[in-house]
Amino acid sequence: MCAVSVRPIIVGVDGSPASTAGLEKAAQIALATAARLIVVYVRHIPTAAFSALVSGEIADIRDECQEDALTVATETLSRYELEWSFEVREGEPGRELIEAAKAHDAEAILVGAARHSAVSGTLVGSVSGYLLHHAPQSVAVVRPQRERSLEKQSS
């Protein structure tokens, strides 16, 4: 009998409800396929933060955000019996998620869908959009349950 090797799944997190929805879906897929789940948090400085904060405050906020993301990941994944790890990277989220996927020979990258205005999406850019255009792996963008429910009601 031939053993099937399942490649890991990368999931990007930032502690937000949208990324938690992505984490939940990634955990379900990893559990169903016996894939290892690699939770990736990318430390970055949003453009708006440069004008609003001094470097010491930025470092403190980045540390808090990283801890929040780890806490959310630990609480969320404690409900699943699966192998997972938490990895911290530094840089642009889209690029770093792709680099993590390459480093781990991942099957896919999952992220939560964040709602942005048209202007915000144009100026800031979209991690999911970047991944869809640049990642060599499959990419899944997961909407939070509440958004999916609201869209069904308005149809």
C-alpha atoms as a PDB file:
ATOM      1  CA  MET A   1       0.000   0.000   0.000  1.00  0.00           C
ATOM      2  CA  CYS A   2       1.315   3.423  -0.954  1.00  0.00           C
ATOM      3  CA  ALA A   3       1.470   6.062   1.793  1.00  0.00           C
ATOM      4  CA  VAL A   4       0.130   9.445   0.776  1.00  0.00           C
ATOM      5  CA  SER A   5       2.108  12.442   1.913  1.00  0.00           C
ATOM      6  CA  VAL A   6      -0.061  15.467   2.597  1.00  0.00           C
ATOM      7  CA  ARG A   7       1.669  18.805   2.267  1.00  0.00           C
ATOM      8  CA  PRO A   8       1.071  21.431   4.957  1.00  0.00           C
ATOM      9  CA  ILE A   9      -1.439  24.265   4.810  1.00  0.00           C
ATOM     10  CA  ILE A  10      -0.422  27.864   5.510  1.00  0.00           C
ATOM     11  CA  VAL A  11      -2.962  30.155   7.160  1.00  0.00           C
ATOM     12  CA  GLY A  12      -2.314  33.863   7.637  1.00  0.00           C
ATOM     13  CA  VAL A  13      -3.568  35.386  10.879  1.00  0.00           C
ATOM     14  CA  ASP A  14      -3.691  38.815  12.436  1.00  0.00           C
ATOM     15  CA  GLY A  15      -6.119  38.273  15.326  1.00  0.00           C
ATOM     16  CA  SER A  16      -9.079  39.828  13.483  1.00  0.00           C
ATOM     17  CA  PRO A  17     -12.479  38.115  13.160  1.00  0.00           C
ATOM     18  CA  ALA A  18     -11.816  37.654   9.432  1.00  0.00           C
ATOM     19  CA  SER A  19      -8.503  35.890  10.041  1.00  0.00           C
ATOM     20  CA  THR A  20     -10.130  33.768  12.749  1.00  0.00           C
ATOM     21  CA  ALA A  21     -12.689  32.603  10.167  1.00  0.00           C
ATOM     22  CA  GLY A  22      -9.788  31.666   7.881  1.00  0.00           C
ATOM     23  CA  LEU A  23      -8.081  29.861  10.758  1.00  0.00           C
ATOM     24  CA  GLU A  24     -11.254  27.873  11.551  1.00  0.00           C
ATOM     25  CA  LYS A  25     -11.648  26.787   7.910  1.00  0.00           C
ATOM     26  CA  ALA A  26      -7.948  25.915   7.643  1.00  0.00           C
ATOM     27  CA  ALA A  27      -8.223  23.796  10.809  1.00  0.00           C
ATOM     28  CA  GLN A  28     -11.237  21.951   9.403  1.00  0.00           C
ATOM     29  CA  ILE A  29      -9.413  21.237   6.144  1.00  0.00           C
ATOM     30  CA  ALA A  30      -6.217  20.192   7.938  1.00  0.00           C
ATOM     31  CA  LEU A  31      -8.191  17.868  10.188  1.00  0.00           C
ATOM     32  CA  ALA A  32     -10.044  16.302   7.243  1.00  0.00           C
ATOM     33  CA  THR A  33      -6.854  15.775   5.229  1.00  0.00           C
ATOM     34  CA  ALA A  34      -4.392  15.063   8.070  1.00  0.00           C
ATOM     35  CA  ALA A  35      -2.312  18.012   6.881  1.00  0.00           C
ATOM     36  CA  ARG A  36      -0.039  19.940   9.224  1.00  0.00           C
ATOM     37  CA  LEU A  37      -1.247  23.501   9.774  1.00  0.00           C
ATOM     38  CA  ILE A  38       1.255  26.340   9.829  1.00  0.00           C
ATOM     39  CA  VAL A  39      -0.191  29.507  11.303  1.00  0.00           C
ATOM     40  CA  VAL A  40       1.718  32.543  10.062  1.00  0.00           C
ATOM     41  CA  TYR A  41       1.640  35.997  11.605  1.00  0.00           C
ATOM     42  CA  VAL A  42       3.459  38.711   9.680  1.00  0.00           C
ATOM     43  CA  ARG A  43       4.838  41.637  11.626  1.00  0.00           C
ATOM     44  CA  HIS A  44       4.496  44.741   9.468  1.00  0.00           C
ATOM     45  CA  ILE A  45       3.969  48.444   9.883  1.00  0.00           C
ATOM     46  CA  PRO A  46       0.893  49.763   8.094  1.00  0.00           C
ATOM     47  CA  THR A  47       1.652  52.918   6.113  1.00  0.00           C
ATOM     48  CA  ALA A  48      -0.651  55.063   8.251  1.00  0.00           C
ATOM     49  CA  ALA A  49       1.300  54.133  11.386  1.00  0.00           C
ATOM     50  CA  PHE A  50       4.430  55.957  10.230  1.00  0.00           C
ATOM     51  CA  SER A  51       2.835  59.371  10.584  1.00  0.00           C
ATOM     52  CA  ALA A  52       0.864  58.573  13.719  1.00  0.00           C
ATOM     53  CA  LEU A  53       3.368  56.828  15.991  1.00  0.00           C
ATOM     54  CA  VAL A  54       6.984  56.939  17.040  1.00  0.00           C
ATOM     55  CA  SER A  55       9.115  53.816  16.630  1.00  0.00           C
ATOM     56  CA  GLY A  56       8.925  52.687  20.291  1.00  0.00           C
ATOM     57  CA  GLU A  57       5.148  52.782  20.259  1.00  0.00           C
ATOM     58  CA  ILE A  58       5.088  50.881  16.962  1.00  0.00           C
ATOM     59  CA  ALA A  59       7.260  48.102  18.427  1.00  0.00           C
ATOM     60  CA  ASP A  60       4.955  47.812  21.457  1.00  0.00           C
ATOM     61  CA  ILE A  61       1.851  47.650  19.278  1.00  0.00           C
ATOM     62  CA  ARG A  62       3.459  45.058  16.988  1.00  0.00           C
ATOM     63  CA  ASP A  63       4.320  42.898  20.015  1.00  0.00           C
ATOM     64  CA  GLU A  64       0.751  43.186  21.337  1.00  0.00           C
ATOM     65  CA  CYS A  65      -0.714  42.293  17.929  1.00  0.00           C
ATOM     66  CA  GLN A  66       1.581  39.274  17.666  1.00  0.00           C
ATOM     67  CA  GLU A  67       0.579  38.086  21.151  1.00  0.00           C
ATOM     68  CA  ASP A  68      -3.103  38.620  20.329  1.00  0.00           C
ATOM     69  CA  ALA A  69      -2.747  36.574  17.134  1.00  0.00           C
ATOM     70  CA  LEU A  70      -1.027  33.741  19.023  1.00  0.00           C
ATOM     71  CA  THR A  71      -3.691  33.783  21.737  1.00  0.00           C
ATOM     72  CA  VAL A  72      -6.512  33.649  19.188  1.00  0.00           C
ATOM     73  CA  ALA A  73      -4.756  30.836  17.292  1.00  0.00           C
ATOM     74  CA  THR A  74      -4.175  28.826  20.479  1.00  0.00           C
ATOM     75  CA  GLU A  75      -7.776  29.257  21.661  1.00  0.00           C
ATOM     76  CA  THR A  76      -9.233  28.472  18.239  1.00  0.00           C
ATOM     77  CA  LEU A  77      -7.062  25.440  17.522  1.00  0.00           C
ATOM     78  CA  SER A  78      -7.467  23.954  21.015  1.00  0.00           C
ATOM     79  CA  ARG A  79     -10.816  22.597  19.768  1.00  0.00           C
ATOM     80  CA  TYR A  80      -9.104  20.496  17.082  1.00  0.00           C
ATOM     81  CA  GLU A  81      -6.791  17.520  17.368  1.00  0.00           C
ATOM     82  CA  LEU A  82      -4.235  18.431  14.770  1.00  0.00           C
ATOM     83  CA  GLU A  83      -0.578  19.213  14.367  1.00  0.00           C
ATOM     84  CA  TRP A  84       0.080  22.931  14.081  1.00  0.00           C
ATOM     85  CA  SER A  85       2.796  25.498  14.614  1.00  0.00           C
ATOM     86  CA  PHE A  86       2.943  29.286  14.889  1.00  0.00           C
ATOM     87  CA  GLU A  87       5.468  31.162  12.799  1.00  0.00           C
ATOM     88  CA  VAL A  88       6.308  34.864  12.898  1.00  0.00           C
ATOM     89  CA  ARG A  89       7.660  36.619   9.825  1.00  0.00           C
ATOM     90  CA  GLU A  90       8.566  40.227   9.141  1.00  0.00           C
ATOM     91  CA  GLY A  91       7.629  42.240   6.049  1.00  0.00           C
ATOM     92  CA  GLU A  92       4.747  42.579   3.618  1.00  0.00           C
ATOM     93  CA  PRO A  93       2.017  40.055   4.523  1.00  0.00           C
ATOM     94  CA  GLY A  94       1.295  38.769   1.006  1.00  0.00           C
ATOM     95  CA  ARG A  95       4.937  38.263   0.137  1.00  0.00           C
ATOM     96  CA  GLU A  96       5.747  36.655   3.467  1.00  0.00           C
ATOM     97  CA  LEU A  97       2.835  34.214   3.270  1.00  0.00           C
ATOM     98  CA  ILE A  98       4.079  33.119  -0.151  1.00  0.00           C
ATOM     99  CA  GLU A  99       7.627  32.751   1.200  1.00  0.00           C
ATOM    100  CA  ALA A 100       6.330  30.669   4.126  1.00  0.00           C
ATOM    101  CA  ALA A 101       4.410  28.469   1.688  1.00  0.00           C
ATOM    102  CA  LYS A 102       7.555  27.986  -0.396  1.00  0.00           C
ATOM    103  CA  ALA A 103       9.695  27.238   2.666  1.00  0.00           C
ATOM    104  CA  HIS A 104       7.257  24.550   3.859  1.00  0.00           C
ATOM    105  CA  ASP A 105       6.297  23.238   0.396  1.00  0.00           C
ATOM    106  CA  ALA A 106       2.687  24.018   1.315  1.00  0.00           C
ATOM    107  CA  GLU A 107      -0.307  22.783  -0.609  1.00  0.00           C
ATOM    108  CA  ALA A 108      -2.348  25.953  -0.115  1.00  0.00           C
ATOM    109  CA  ILE A 109      -2.595  29.325   1.603  1.00  0.00           C
ATOM    110  CA  LEU A 110      -5.781  30.366   3.421  1.00  0.00           C
ATOM    111  CA  VAL A 111      -6.625  33.859   4.625  1.00  0.00           C
ATOM    112  CA  GLY A 112      -9.709  35.544   5.998  1.00  0.00           C
ATOM    113  CA  ALA A 113     -11.508  38.081   3.809  1.00  0.00           C
ATOM    114  CA  ALA A 114     -11.227  41.588   5.194  1.00  0.00           C
ATOM    115  CA  ARG A 115     -13.755  44.144   4.017  1.00  0.00           C
ATOM    116  CA  HIS A 116     -12.187  47.359   2.719  1.00  0.00           C
ATOM    117  CA  SER A 117     -13.646  50.326   0.958  1.00  0.00           C
ATOM    118  CA  ALA A 118     -12.708  50.766  -2.702  1.00  0.00           C
ATOM    119  CA  VAL A 119     -10.333  53.595  -1.778  1.00  0.00           C
ATOM    120  CA  SER A 120      -8.730  51.655   1.067  1.00  0.00           C
ATOM    121  CA  GLY A 121      -8.264  48.580  -1.117  1.00  0.00           C
ATOM    122  CA  THR A 122      -6.632  50.687  -3.827  1.00  0.00           C
ATOM    123  CA  LEU A 123      -4.312  52.648  -1.556  1.00  0.00           C
ATOM    124  CA  VAL A 124      -3.342  49.991   0.942  1.00  0.00           C
ATOM    125  CA  GLY A 125      -3.635  46.923  -1.251  1.00  0.00           C
ATOM    126  CA  SER A 126      -5.169  43.620  -0.412  1.00  0.00           C
ATOM    127  CA  VAL A 127      -3.331  40.613   0.973  1.00  0.00           C
ATOM    128  CA  SER A 128      -5.875  38.228  -0.535  1.00  0.00           C
ATOM    129  CA  GLY A 129      -5.693  39.989  -3.904  1.00  0.00           C
ATOM    130  CA  TYR A 130      -1.902  39.848  -3.836  1.00  0.00           C
ATOM    131  CA  LEU A 131      -1.972  36.139  -3.016  1.00  0.00           C
ATOM    132  CA  LEU A 132      -4.490  35.371  -5.755  1.00  0.00           C
ATOM    133  CA  HIS A 133      -2.269  37.060  -8.339  1.00  0.00           C
ATOM    134  CA  HIS A 134       1.177  35.950  -7.155  1.00  0.00           C
ATOM    135  CA  ALA A 135       1.030  32.692  -5.181  1.00  0.00           C
ATOM    136  CA  PRO A 136       2.004  29.530  -7.038  1.00  0.00           C
ATOM    137  CA  GLN A 137      -0.093  27.509  -4.564  1.00  0.00           C
ATOM    138  CA  SER A 138      -3.861  27.344  -4.357  1.00  0.00           C
ATOM    139  CA  VAL A 139      -5.321  30.227  -2.351  1.00  0.00           C
ATOM    140  CA  ALA A 140      -8.588  30.238  -0.407  1.00  0.00           C
ATOM    141  CA  VAL A 141     -10.164  33.437   0.888  1.00  0.00           C
ATOM    142  CA  VAL A 142     -12.647  32.733   3.677  1.00  0.00           C
ATOM    143  CA  ARG A 143     -15.464  35.066   4.654  1.00  0.00           C
ATOM    144  CA  PRO A 144     -16.592  35.225   8.295  1.00  0.00           C
ATOM    145  CA  GLN A 145     -19.901  33.393   8.904  1.00  0.00           C
ATOM    146  CA  ARG A 146     -21.743  36.628   9.728  1.00  0.00           C
ATOM    147  CA  GLU A 147     -20.862  38.131   6.327  1.00  0.00           C
ATOM    148  CA  ARG A 148     -22.012  34.997   4.514  1.00  0.00           C
ATOM    149  CA  SER A 149     -25.316  35.080   6.431  1.00  0.00           C
ATOM    150  CA  LEU A 150     -25.903  38.754   5.637  1.00  0.00           C
ATOM    151  CA  GLU A 151     -25.193  38.194   1.937  1.00  0.00           C
ATOM    152  CA  LYS A 152     -27.772  35.356   1.818  1.00  0.00           C
ATOM    153  CA  GLN A 153     -30.396  37.587   3.468  1.00  0.00           C
ATOM    154  CA  SER A 154     -29.866  40.426   0.977  1.00  0.00           C
ATOM    155  CA  SER A 155     -30.154  38.110  -2.068  1.00  0.00           C
END
